[in-house]
C-alpha atoms as a PDB file:
ATOM      1  CA  MET A   1      88.550 103.400 107.296  1.00  0.00           C
ATOM      2  CA  HIS A   2      91.207 101.023 106.044  1.00  0.00           C
ATOM      3  CA  GLN A   3      93.585 100.759 103.139  1.00  0.00           C
ATOM      4  CA  ILE A   4      92.724  98.252 100.412  1.00  0.00           C
ATOM      5  CA  SER A   5      95.799  98.728  98.208  1.00  0.00           C
ATOM      6  CA  SER A   6      98.575 101.169  97.406  1.00  0.00           C
ATOM      7  CA  THR A   7     101.192 101.974  94.788  1.00  0.00           C
ATOM      8  CA  MET A   8     103.937 104.592  94.633  1.00  0.00           C
ATOM      9  CA  ASN A   9     101.411 107.174  93.367  1.00  0.00           C
ATOM     10  CA  SER A  10      98.022 106.138  94.713  1.00  0.00           C
ATOM     11  CA  PHE A  11      96.073 104.308  97.373  1.00  0.00           C
ATOM     12  CA  THR A  12      92.586 102.858  97.690  1.00  0.00           C
ATOM     13  CA  LEU A  13      90.584 103.305 100.884  1.00  0.00           C
ATOM     14  CA  SER A  14      87.359 101.777 102.112  1.00  0.00           C
ATOM     15  CA  TRP A  15      85.014 102.631 104.976  1.00  0.00           C
ATOM     16  CA  PRO A  16      81.635 101.375 106.165  1.00  0.00           C
ATOM     17  CA  GLN A  17      78.315 103.074 105.525  1.00  0.00           C
ATOM     18  CA  PRO A  18      77.044 105.412 108.267  1.00  0.00           C
ATOM     19  CA  GLU A  19      75.138 103.593 111.014  1.00  0.00           C
ATOM     20  CA  GLN A  20      72.212 105.984 110.601  1.00  0.00           C
ATOM     21  CA  PRO A  21      72.187 107.344 107.041  1.00  0.00           C
ATOM     22  CA  ASN A  22      70.246 110.571 106.652  1.00  0.00           C
ATOM     23  CA  GLY A  23      70.256 111.190 102.904  1.00  0.00           C
ATOM     24  CA  ILE A  24      72.297 110.863  99.741  1.00  0.00           C
ATOM     25  CA  ILE A  25      76.027 111.514 100.166  1.00  0.00           C
ATOM     26  CA  LEU A  26      76.900 114.301  97.758  1.00  0.00           C
ATOM     27  CA  ASP A  27      80.564 114.842  98.603  1.00  0.00           C
ATOM     28  CA  TYR A  28      83.486 113.326 100.484  1.00  0.00           C
ATOM     29  CA  GLU A  29      86.430 115.277 101.837  1.00  0.00           C
ATOM     30  CA  LEU A  30      89.727 113.550 102.550  1.00  0.00           C
ATOM     31  CA  ARG A  31      92.536 115.351 104.375  1.00  0.00           C
ATOM     32  CA  TYR A  32      95.987 113.895 104.607  1.00  0.00           C
ATOM     33  CA  TYR A  33      99.434 115.001 105.694  1.00  0.00           C
ATOM     34  CA  GLU A  34     102.883 113.537 106.050  1.00  0.00           C
ATOM     35  CA  LYS A  35     103.630 111.689 109.251  1.00  0.00           C
ATOM     36  CA  ASP A  36     105.247 113.862 111.948  1.00  0.00           C
ATOM     37  CA  HIS A  37     104.107 117.079 110.212  1.00  0.00           C
ATOM     38  CA  ALA A  38     101.386 119.407 111.388  1.00  0.00           C
ATOM     39  CA  GLU A  39      97.891 118.888 110.007  1.00  0.00           C
ATOM     40  CA  ILE A  40      97.857 122.583 109.192  1.00  0.00           C
ATOM     41  CA  ASN A  41      99.875 121.616 106.101  1.00  0.00           C
ATOM     42  CA  SER A  42      97.258 119.095 105.014  1.00  0.00           C
ATOM     43  CA  THR A  43      95.983 118.463 101.504  1.00  0.00           C
ATOM     44  CA  VAL A  44      92.248 118.281 100.795  1.00  0.00           C
ATOM     45  CA  LEU A  45      90.780 116.008  98.122  1.00  0.00           C
ATOM     46  CA  ARG A  46      87.149 116.083  97.028  1.00  0.00           C
END
């Protein structure tokens, strides 16, 4: 995964396709948290 662009309020990410796809991707889940803070306080986007 790598960052394509960012602004003060958003960012765009990109990642490669799975090496061995096994069906249609129905959902992505992205977890993020502030640097130096525990992942337990993460935010989930779908």
